[in-house]
Amino acid sequence: MDLMLKDKVAMVTGASQGIGLAAALTLRAEGACVAAVSRRCSPELAAALDDSLVHVPADLATERGPAGAVEATVERFGRLDVLVNNAGGPPPGVTMPRFSFEHLDDGDWTAMLDFNVMSVVRAVRAALPHLLEQGGSIVNVSSTHAHVPSGVNVDYGVAKAGVNNLTQALSEEFGPRGVRVNTVSPGPVRTPWWTKEGGAADVLAQALGSDRATVLERSAAELMNLTTGRLIDPQEIADVIVLLASPRSASTTGSDVVVDAGLRKAV
């Protein structure tokens, strides 16, 4: 199926690895020109760069970072049609999961909200004039934590709930002016957040008296009661992001698409 993305221009944040990298590569495969935004360029991203996929270095946790990334994208490609706000999760230097509300101070909350909510606000603010001109699309990557409150990563869940609310508010205001805004809420995805040294798998392994391999292959899925019995592949999230970004989803706006391996068991 032609997703009608040929020669469109997309900016993807948090694109050096995981979901963001998969989304950037998929958008490029569909014919789009892509600015992959991240603080550093990973080896995997560097190996894929070409005239239609460029790396834009930016610290999205800073006040000017998102706007600078939008400016660099438009300068390079001349326009902007799609914004994918994927950057989020633990702020730089933070390891998750964190297991209790009591473990969080004001600095923790400020860093989490700034990285997960304000980075989206700033990127949308900078991108909107270009998206309104083109009749573009925004896809915000949230989390099932926005739907399933928990004492585990409570600050992250609150931040992502804010992203979902923001998505619907933006859709209501700018949908009539030609800009669609949607959310994808993934469950646990097998990204470096989980797999890296000292990452979530290691934290859980220590808490469970287990090891990283067992957590990744079995324990994490069992602990979260995932219907599929496994963590989600980043490509499975990227495919939904790209479909929502595409003109093929022209009547989809203000929606939240949950891709969670069956984690959220609710009507």
C-alpha atoms as a PDB file:
ATOM      1  CA  MET A   1       0.000   0.000   0.000  1.00  0.00           C
ATOM      2  CA  ASP A   2       1.324   3.420  -0.976  1.00  0.00           C
ATOM      3  CA  LEU A   3       1.328   5.579   2.157  1.00  0.00           C
ATOM      4  CA  MET A   4       1.584   8.752   0.041  1.00  0.00           C
ATOM      5  CA  LEU A   5       4.679   9.973   1.882  1.00  0.00           C
ATOM      6  CA  LYS A   6       6.996  10.357  -1.097  1.00  0.00           C
ATOM      7  CA  ASP A   7       8.849  13.695  -0.935  1.00  0.00           C
ATOM      8  CA  LYS A   8       7.210  14.635   2.365  1.00  0.00           C
ATOM      9  CA  VAL A   9       9.548  15.954   5.069  1.00  0.00           C
ATOM     10  CA  ALA A  10       9.462  14.476   8.555  1.00  0.00           C
ATOM     11  CA  MET A  11      11.269  15.310  11.770  1.00  0.00           C
ATOM     12  CA  VAL A  12      11.608  12.482  14.298  1.00  0.00           C
ATOM     13  CA  THR A  13      12.907  13.178  17.798  1.00  0.00           C
ATOM     14  CA  GLY A  14      14.787  10.614  19.846  1.00  0.00           C
ATOM     15  CA  ALA A  15      15.790   9.002  16.570  1.00  0.00           C
ATOM     16  CA  SER A  16      19.203   7.540  17.324  1.00  0.00           C
ATOM     17  CA  GLN A  17      17.853   4.209  18.565  1.00  0.00           C
ATOM     18  CA  GLY A  18      14.765   2.204  19.428  1.00  0.00           C
ATOM     19  CA  ILE A  19      11.338   3.400  18.303  1.00  0.00           C
ATOM     20  CA  GLY A  20      12.645   6.695  16.914  1.00  0.00           C
ATOM     21  CA  LEU A  21      15.256   5.052  14.715  1.00  0.00           C
ATOM     22  CA  ALA A  22      12.742   2.504  13.441  1.00  0.00           C
ATOM     23  CA  ALA A  23      10.268   5.293  12.643  1.00  0.00           C
ATOM     24  CA  ALA A  24      12.899   7.375  10.849  1.00  0.00           C
ATOM     25  CA  LEU A  25      14.029   4.435   8.735  1.00  0.00           C
ATOM     26  CA  THR A  26      10.442   3.474   7.904  1.00  0.00           C
ATOM     27  CA  LEU A  27       9.518   7.006   6.880  1.00  0.00           C
ATOM     28  CA  ARG A  28      12.607   7.100   4.645  1.00  0.00           C
ATOM     29  CA  ALA A  29      11.666   3.732   3.146  1.00  0.00           C
ATOM     30  CA  GLU A  30       8.248   5.207   2.283  1.00  0.00           C
ATOM     31  CA  GLY A  31       9.910   7.996   0.309  1.00  0.00           C
ATOM     32  CA  ALA A  32      10.013  10.776   2.895  1.00  0.00           C
ATOM     33  CA  CYS A  33      12.993  12.984   3.666  1.00  0.00           C
ATOM     34  CA  VAL A  34      13.754  12.641   7.371  1.00  0.00           C
ATOM     35  CA  ALA A  35      15.575  14.701   9.978  1.00  0.00           C
ATOM     36  CA  ALA A  36      16.574  12.316  12.762  1.00  0.00           C
ATOM     37  CA  VAL A  37      16.986  14.364  15.941  1.00  0.00           C
ATOM     38  CA  SER A  38      19.005  13.235  18.949  1.00  0.00           C
ATOM     39  CA  ARG A  39      21.742  14.498  21.232  1.00  0.00           C
ATOM     40  CA  ARG A  40      24.255  12.108  19.662  1.00  0.00           C
ATOM     41  CA  CYS A  41      24.346  10.050  16.480  1.00  0.00           C
ATOM     42  CA  SER A  42      24.418   6.320  17.186  1.00  0.00           C
ATOM     43  CA  PRO A  43      26.409   3.884  15.020  1.00  0.00           C
ATOM     44  CA  GLU A  44      23.136   2.407  13.731  1.00  0.00           C
ATOM     45  CA  LEU A  45      21.838   5.808  12.642  1.00  0.00           C
ATOM     46  CA  ALA A  46      25.202   6.872  11.213  1.00  0.00           C
ATOM     47  CA  ALA A  47      25.272   3.781   9.005  1.00  0.00           C
ATOM     48  CA  ALA A  48      21.881   4.690   7.517  1.00  0.00           C
ATOM     49  CA  LEU A  49      22.459   8.384   6.760  1.00  0.00           C
ATOM     50  CA  ASP A  50      22.162   9.625   3.177  1.00  0.00           C
ATOM     51  CA  ASP A  51      20.745  12.599   1.295  1.00  0.00           C
ATOM     52  CA  SER A  52      17.219  11.789   2.466  1.00  0.00           C
ATOM     53  CA  LEU A  53      18.049  10.896   6.082  1.00  0.00           C
ATOM     54  CA  VAL A  54      20.124  13.402   8.039  1.00  0.00           C
ATOM     55  CA  HIS A  55      21.089  13.649  11.679  1.00  0.00           C
ATOM     56  CA  VAL A  56      20.181  16.862  13.501  1.00  0.00           C
ATOM     57  CA  PRO A  57      21.974  17.125  16.862  1.00  0.00           C
ATOM     58  CA  ALA A  58      19.857  18.754  19.566  1.00  0.00           C
ATOM     59  CA  ASP A  59      19.286  18.543  23.289  1.00  0.00           C
ATOM     60  CA  LEU A  60      15.508  18.438  23.499  1.00  0.00           C
ATOM     61  CA  ALA A  61      15.560  18.929  27.268  1.00  0.00           C
ATOM     62  CA  THR A  62      16.701  22.522  26.739  1.00  0.00           C
ATOM     63  CA  GLU A  63      14.488  25.502  25.990  1.00  0.00           C
ATOM     64  CA  ARG A  64      15.952  26.117  22.527  1.00  0.00           C
ATOM     65  CA  GLY A  65      16.649  22.525  21.529  1.00  0.00           C
ATOM     66  CA  PRO A  66      13.329  21.637  19.826  1.00  0.00           C
ATOM     67  CA  ALA A  67      13.051  24.957  17.969  1.00  0.00           C
ATOM     68  CA  GLY A  68      16.632  24.648  16.759  1.00  0.00           C
ATOM     69  CA  ALA A  69      15.897  21.165  15.426  1.00  0.00           C
ATOM     70  CA  VAL A  70      12.847  22.412  13.522  1.00  0.00           C
ATOM     71  CA  GLU A  71      14.856  25.281  12.053  1.00  0.00           C
ATOM     72  CA  ALA A  72      17.625  22.903  10.945  1.00  0.00           C
ATOM     73  CA  THR A  73      15.100  20.544   9.344  1.00  0.00           C
ATOM     74  CA  VAL A  74      13.412  23.295   7.346  1.00  0.00           C
ATOM     75  CA  GLU A  75      16.770  24.766   6.345  1.00  0.00           C
ATOM     76  CA  ARG A  76      17.914  21.369   5.052  1.00  0.00           C
ATOM     77  CA  PHE A  77      14.733  20.220   3.289  1.00  0.00           C
ATOM     78  CA  GLY A  78      12.767  23.436   2.708  1.00  0.00           C
ATOM     79  CA  ARG A  79       9.560  22.422   4.458  1.00  0.00           C
ATOM     80  CA  LEU A  80       8.050  20.272   7.215  1.00  0.00           C
ATOM     81  CA  ASP A  81       5.068  17.935   6.818  1.00  0.00           C
ATOM     82  CA  VAL A  82       5.351  15.481   9.709  1.00  0.00           C
ATOM     83  CA  LEU A  83       6.498  15.865  13.316  1.00  0.00           C
ATOM     84  CA  VAL A  84       7.066  12.716  15.365  1.00  0.00           C
ATOM     85  CA  ASN A  85       7.632  13.544  19.031  1.00  0.00           C
ATOM     86  CA  ASN A  86       9.250  10.315  20.155  1.00  0.00           C
ATOM     87  CA  ALA A  87      11.919  11.593  22.558  1.00  0.00           C
ATOM     88  CA  GLY A  88      10.979  10.840  26.143  1.00  0.00           C
ATOM     89  CA  GLY A  89      11.376   8.334  28.913  1.00  0.00           C
ATOM     90  CA  PRO A  90      14.074   8.753  31.542  1.00  0.00           C
ATOM     91  CA  PRO A  91      15.680  12.203  31.447  1.00  0.00           C
ATOM     92  CA  PRO A  92      19.415  12.142  30.732  1.00  0.00           C
ATOM     93  CA  GLY A  93      21.267  10.496  33.597  1.00  0.00           C
ATOM     94  CA  VAL A  94      18.168   8.837  35.100  1.00  0.00           C
ATOM     95  CA  THR A  95      17.727   5.067  35.359  1.00  0.00           C
ATOM     96  CA  MET A  96      14.233   3.574  35.469  1.00  0.00           C
ATOM     97  CA  PRO A  97      12.187   1.845  36.758  1.00  0.00           C
ATOM     98  CA  ARG A  98      11.831   3.760  40.010  1.00  0.00           C
ATOM     99  CA  PHE A  99       9.567   1.983  42.424  1.00  0.00           C
ATOM    100  CA  SER A 100       7.825   4.553  44.619  1.00  0.00           C
ATOM    101  CA  PHE A 101       6.374   8.059  44.745  1.00  0.00           C
ATOM    102  CA  GLU A 102       8.357   8.544  47.966  1.00  0.00           C
ATOM    103  CA  HIS A 103      11.648   8.266  46.085  1.00  0.00           C
ATOM    104  CA  LEU A 104      10.967  11.361  43.949  1.00  0.00           C
ATOM    105  CA  ASP A 105      11.859  14.939  44.855  1.00  0.00           C
ATOM    106  CA  ASP A 106      11.012  18.211  43.086  1.00  0.00           C
ATOM    107  CA  GLY A 107      14.068  17.936  40.871  1.00  0.00           C
ATOM    108  CA  ASP A 108      12.980  14.491  39.670  1.00  0.00           C
ATOM    109  CA  TRP A 109       9.502  15.742  38.807  1.00  0.00           C
ATOM    110  CA  THR A 110      10.793  18.860  37.043  1.00  0.00           C
ATOM    111  CA  ALA A 111      13.271  16.897  34.932  1.00  0.00           C
ATOM    112  CA  MET A 112      10.667  14.286  33.967  1.00  0.00           C
ATOM    113  CA  LEU A 113       7.991  16.805  33.013  1.00  0.00           C
ATOM    114  CA  ASP A 114      10.455  19.004  31.137  1.00  0.00           C
ATOM    115  CA  PHE A 115      11.850  16.126  29.084  1.00  0.00           C
ATOM    116  CA  ASN A 116       8.537  14.384  28.350  1.00  0.00           C
ATOM    117  CA  VAL A 117       6.007  17.234  28.202  1.00  0.00           C
ATOM    118  CA  MET A 118       7.776  20.533  27.607  1.00  0.00           C
ATOM    119  CA  SER A 119       9.975  19.090  24.853  1.00  0.00           C
ATOM    120  CA  VAL A 120       6.774  18.178  23.005  1.00  0.00           C
ATOM    121  CA  VAL A 121       5.210  21.581  23.681  1.00  0.00           C
ATOM    122  CA  ARG A 122       8.306  23.366  22.365  1.00  0.00           C
ATOM    123  CA  ALA A 123       8.629  21.174  19.283  1.00  0.00           C
ATOM    124  CA  VAL A 124       4.962  21.630  18.382  1.00  0.00           C
ATOM    125  CA  ARG A 125       5.183  25.385  18.946  1.00  0.00           C
ATOM    126  CA  ALA A 126       8.126  25.630  16.556  1.00  0.00           C
ATOM    127  CA  ALA A 127       6.719  23.229  13.966  1.00  0.00           C
ATOM    128  CA  LEU A 128       3.128  24.493  13.763  1.00  0.00           C
ATOM    129  CA  PRO A 129       3.679  27.392  11.343  1.00  0.00           C
ATOM    130  CA  HIS A 130       5.249  24.966   8.853  1.00  0.00           C
ATOM    131  CA  LEU A 131       2.683  22.221   9.419  1.00  0.00           C
ATOM    132  CA  LEU A 132      -0.199  24.658   8.986  1.00  0.00           C
ATOM    133  CA  GLU A 133       1.312  25.769   5.700  1.00  0.00           C
ATOM    134  CA  GLN A 134       1.579  22.196   4.397  1.00  0.00           C
ATOM    135  CA  GLY A 135      -1.453  20.626   6.066  1.00  0.00           C
ATOM    136  CA  GLY A 136       0.722  18.325   8.133  1.00  0.00           C
ATOM    137  CA  SER A 137       0.586  15.684  10.834  1.00  0.00           C
ATOM    138  CA  ILE A 138       1.888  15.307  14.387  1.00  0.00           C
ATOM    139  CA  VAL A 139       2.356  11.957  16.106  1.00  0.00           C
ATOM    140  CA  ASN A 140       3.194  12.037  19.802  1.00  0.00           C
ATOM    141  CA  VAL A 141       4.623   8.893  21.384  1.00  0.00           C
ATOM    142  CA  SER A 142       3.142   8.339  24.839  1.00  0.00           C
ATOM    143  CA  SER A 143       2.928   5.184  26.964  1.00  0.00           C
ATOM    144  CA  THR A 144       0.474   2.786  28.545  1.00  0.00           C
ATOM    145  CA  HIS A 145       1.632   4.382  31.820  1.00  0.00           C
ATOM    146  CA  ALA A 146      -0.690   7.238  30.815  1.00  0.00           C
ATOM    147  CA  HIS A 147      -3.600   4.771  31.058  1.00  0.00           C
ATOM    148  CA  VAL A 148      -2.545   2.469  33.891  1.00  0.00           C
ATOM    149  CA  PRO A 149      -1.556   4.462  37.013  1.00  0.00           C
ATOM    150  CA  SER A 150       1.165   2.843  39.075  1.00  0.00           C
ATOM    151  CA  GLY A 151       3.557   3.610  41.894  1.00  0.00           C
ATOM    152  CA  VAL A 152       6.278   2.394  39.547  1.00  0.00           C
ATOM    153  CA  ASN A 153       7.541   5.345  37.447  1.00  0.00           C
ATOM    154  CA  VAL A 154       4.678   7.488  38.718  1.00  0.00           C
ATOM    155  CA  ASP A 155       6.271  10.720  37.441  1.00  0.00           C
ATOM    156  CA  TYR A 156       6.641   9.206  33.981  1.00  0.00           C
ATOM    157  CA  GLY A 157       2.991   8.141  33.946  1.00  0.00           C
ATOM    158  CA  VAL A 158       1.823  11.628  34.924  1.00  0.00           C
ATOM    159  CA  ALA A 159       3.996  13.168  32.219  1.00  0.00           C
ATOM    160  CA  LYS A 160       2.672  10.846  29.523  1.00  0.00           C
ATOM    161  CA  ALA A 161      -0.921  11.458  30.610  1.00  0.00           C
ATOM    162  CA  GLY A 162      -0.168  15.118  29.994  1.00  0.00           C
ATOM    163  CA  VAL A 163       1.060  14.299  26.492  1.00  0.00           C
ATOM    164  CA  ASN A 164      -2.209  12.476  25.751  1.00  0.00           C
ATOM    165  CA  ASN A 165      -4.266  15.418  26.976  1.00  0.00           C
ATOM    166  CA  LEU A 166      -2.120  17.834  24.974  1.00  0.00           C
ATOM    167  CA  THR A 167      -2.617  15.722  21.847  1.00  0.00           C
ATOM    168  CA  GLN A 168      -6.374  15.947  22.030  1.00  0.00           C
ATOM    169  CA  ALA A 169      -6.301  19.669  22.798  1.00  0.00           C
ATOM    170  CA  LEU A 170      -4.055  20.322  19.795  1.00  0.00           C
ATOM    171  CA  SER A 171      -6.255  18.183  17.574  1.00  0.00           C
ATOM    172  CA  GLU A 172      -9.339  20.151  18.569  1.00  0.00           C
ATOM    173  CA  GLU A 173      -7.710  23.491  17.852  1.00  0.00           C
ATOM    174  CA  PHE A 174      -5.684  22.702  14.745  1.00  0.00           C
ATOM    175  CA  GLY A 175      -7.574  19.824  13.128  1.00  0.00           C
ATOM    176  CA  PRO A 176     -10.027  22.234  11.490  1.00  0.00           C
ATOM    177  CA  ARG A 177      -6.990  24.080  10.087  1.00  0.00           C
ATOM    178  CA  GLY A 178      -5.535  20.980   8.466  1.00  0.00           C
ATOM    179  CA  VAL A 179      -3.091  19.597  11.048  1.00  0.00           C
ATOM    180  CA  ARG A 180      -3.883  16.148  12.412  1.00  0.00           C
ATOM    181  CA  VAL A 181      -2.545  15.246  15.869  1.00  0.00           C
ATOM    182  CA  ASN A 182      -2.527  11.686  17.232  1.00  0.00           C
ATOM    183  CA  THR A 183      -0.852   9.641  19.941  1.00  0.00           C
ATOM    184  CA  VAL A 184       0.672   6.179  19.979  1.00  0.00           C
ATOM    185  CA  SER A 185       0.824   4.613  23.445  1.00  0.00           C
ATOM    186  CA  PRO A 186       3.246   1.686  23.474  1.00  0.00           C
ATOM    187  CA  GLY A 187       3.549  -0.917  26.160  1.00  0.00           C
ATOM    188  CA  PRO A 188       7.018  -2.255  27.047  1.00  0.00           C
ATOM    189  CA  VAL A 189       9.227  -2.104  23.955  1.00  0.00           C
ATOM    190  CA  ARG A 190      12.543  -3.936  23.643  1.00  0.00           C
ATOM    191  CA  THR A 191      14.714  -0.854  23.268  1.00  0.00           C
ATOM    192  CA  PRO A 192      18.076   0.097  24.828  1.00  0.00           C
ATOM    193  CA  TRP A 193      16.098   1.482  27.774  1.00  0.00           C
ATOM    194  CA  TRP A 194      15.555  -2.193  28.606  1.00  0.00           C
ATOM    195  CA  THR A 195      18.630  -3.872  27.147  1.00  0.00           C
ATOM    196  CA  LYS A 196      21.553  -1.556  27.907  1.00  0.00           C
ATOM    197  CA  GLU A 197      24.005  -2.203  30.724  1.00  0.00           C
ATOM    198  CA  GLY A 198      22.346  -0.948  33.905  1.00  0.00           C
ATOM    199  CA  GLY A 199      19.004  -0.525  32.126  1.00  0.00           C
ATOM    200  CA  ALA A 200      15.494  -1.605  33.111  1.00  0.00           C
ATOM    201  CA  ALA A 201      16.215  -5.312  32.646  1.00  0.00           C
ATOM    202  CA  ASP A 202      19.169  -5.122  35.033  1.00  0.00           C
ATOM    203  CA  VAL A 203      17.180  -3.103  37.586  1.00  0.00           C
ATOM    204  CA  LEU A 204      14.339  -5.629  37.494  1.00  0.00           C
ATOM    205  CA  ALA A 205      16.742  -8.556  37.576  1.00  0.00           C
ATOM    206  CA  GLN A 206      18.285  -7.213  40.765  1.00  0.00           C
ATOM    207  CA  ALA A 207      14.857  -6.642  42.313  1.00  0.00           C
ATOM    208  CA  LEU A 208      13.692 -10.144  41.342  1.00  0.00           C
ATOM    209  CA  GLY A 209      16.926 -11.966  42.125  1.00  0.00           C
ATOM    210  CA  SER A 210      17.196 -12.951  38.477  1.00  0.00           C
ATOM    211  CA  ASP A 211      19.354 -12.068  35.457  1.00  0.00           C
ATOM    212  CA  ARG A 212      18.991  -9.780  32.459  1.00  0.00           C
ATOM    213  CA  ALA A 213      18.396 -12.520  29.860  1.00  0.00           C
ATOM    214  CA  THR A 214      15.616 -14.108  31.902  1.00  0.00           C
ATOM    215  CA  VAL A 215      13.935 -10.743  32.459  1.00  0.00           C
ATOM    216  CA  LEU A 216      14.041  -9.859  28.752  1.00  0.00           C
ATOM    217  CA  GLU A 217      12.872 -13.225  27.478  1.00  0.00           C
ATOM    218  CA  ARG A 218      10.298 -14.156  30.109  1.00  0.00           C
ATOM    219  CA  SER A 219      10.055 -12.387  33.464  1.00  0.00           C
ATOM    220  CA  ALA A 220       9.163  -8.882  32.230  1.00  0.00           C
ATOM    221  CA  ALA A 221       6.289 -10.182  30.108  1.00  0.00           C
ATOM    222  CA  GLU A 222       5.051 -12.366  32.968  1.00  0.00           C
ATOM    223  CA  LEU A 223       5.312  -9.537  35.492  1.00  0.00           C
ATOM    224  CA  MET A 224       3.246  -7.230  33.273  1.00  0.00           C
ATOM    225  CA  ASN A 225       0.881 -10.013  32.201  1.00  0.00           C
ATOM    226  CA  LEU A 226       1.473  -9.366  28.501  1.00  0.00           C
ATOM    227  CA  THR A 227      -0.972 -11.358  26.399  1.00  0.00           C
ATOM    228  CA  THR A 228       1.620 -11.944  23.680  1.00  0.00           C
ATOM    229  CA  GLY A 229       4.161 -13.216  26.189  1.00  0.00           C
ATOM    230  CA  ARG A 230       6.972 -10.974  24.920  1.00  0.00           C
ATOM    231  CA  LEU A 231       8.236  -7.416  24.792  1.00  0.00           C
ATOM    232  CA  ILE A 232       7.243  -5.373  21.756  1.00  0.00           C
ATOM    233  CA  ASP A 233       9.592  -4.912  18.798  1.00  0.00           C
ATOM    234  CA  PRO A 234      10.310  -1.229  17.987  1.00  0.00           C
ATOM    235  CA  GLN A 235       9.280  -1.795  14.370  1.00  0.00           C
ATOM    236  CA  GLU A 236       5.767  -2.685  15.517  1.00  0.00           C
ATOM    237  CA  ILE A 237       5.426   0.787  17.028  1.00  0.00           C
ATOM    238  CA  ALA A 238       7.119   2.495  14.086  1.00  0.00           C
ATOM    239  CA  ASP A 239       4.627   0.983  11.643  1.00  0.00           C
ATOM    240  CA  VAL A 240       1.720   2.552  13.541  1.00  0.00           C
ATOM    241  CA  ILE A 241       3.489   5.908  13.787  1.00  0.00           C
ATOM    242  CA  VAL A 242       4.104   6.015  10.049  1.00  0.00           C
ATOM    243  CA  LEU A 243       0.530   5.032   9.207  1.00  0.00           C
ATOM    244  CA  LEU A 244      -0.805   7.816  11.435  1.00  0.00           C
ATOM    245  CA  ALA A 245       1.632  10.271   9.838  1.00  0.00           C
ATOM    246  CA  SER A 246       0.449   9.258   6.384  1.00  0.00           C
ATOM    247  CA  PRO A 247      -2.344  10.914   4.385  1.00  0.00           C
ATOM    248  CA  ARG A 248      -3.893   7.421   4.388  1.00  0.00           C
ATOM    249  CA  SER A 249      -5.025   8.335   7.933  1.00  0.00           C
ATOM    250  CA  ALA A 250      -6.599  11.597   6.814  1.00  0.00           C
ATOM    251  CA  SER A 251      -9.687  11.170   9.021  1.00  0.00           C
ATOM    252  CA  THR A 252      -7.803  10.043  12.116  1.00  0.00           C
ATOM    253  CA  THR A 253      -7.107  12.855  14.549  1.00  0.00           C
ATOM    254  CA  GLY A 254      -7.267  13.207  18.317  1.00  0.00           C
ATOM    255  CA  SER A 255      -6.857   9.440  18.588  1.00  0.00           C
ATOM    256  CA  ASP A 256      -4.653   7.405  20.893  1.00  0.00           C
ATOM    257  CA  VAL A 257      -3.567   4.087  19.404  1.00  0.00           C
ATOM    258  CA  VAL A 258      -2.500   1.624  22.090  1.00  0.00           C
ATOM    259  CA  VAL A 259       0.107  -0.952  21.030  1.00  0.00           C
ATOM    260  CA  ASP A 260       0.801  -2.743  24.289  1.00  0.00           C
ATOM    261  CA  ALA A 261       1.057  -6.531  23.747  1.00  0.00           C
ATOM    262  CA  GLY A 262      -2.191  -6.847  25.677  1.00  0.00           C
ATOM    263  CA  LEU A 263      -0.973  -5.098  28.843  1.00  0.00           C
ATOM    264  CA  ARG A 264      -4.005  -2.828  29.275  1.00  0.00           C
ATOM    265  CA  LYS A 265      -6.926  -5.132  29.977  1.00  0.00           C
ATOM    266  CA  ALA A 266      -9.860  -2.738  30.034  1.00  0.00           C
ATOM    267  CA  VAL A 267     -12.936  -1.974  27.954  1.00  0.00           C
END
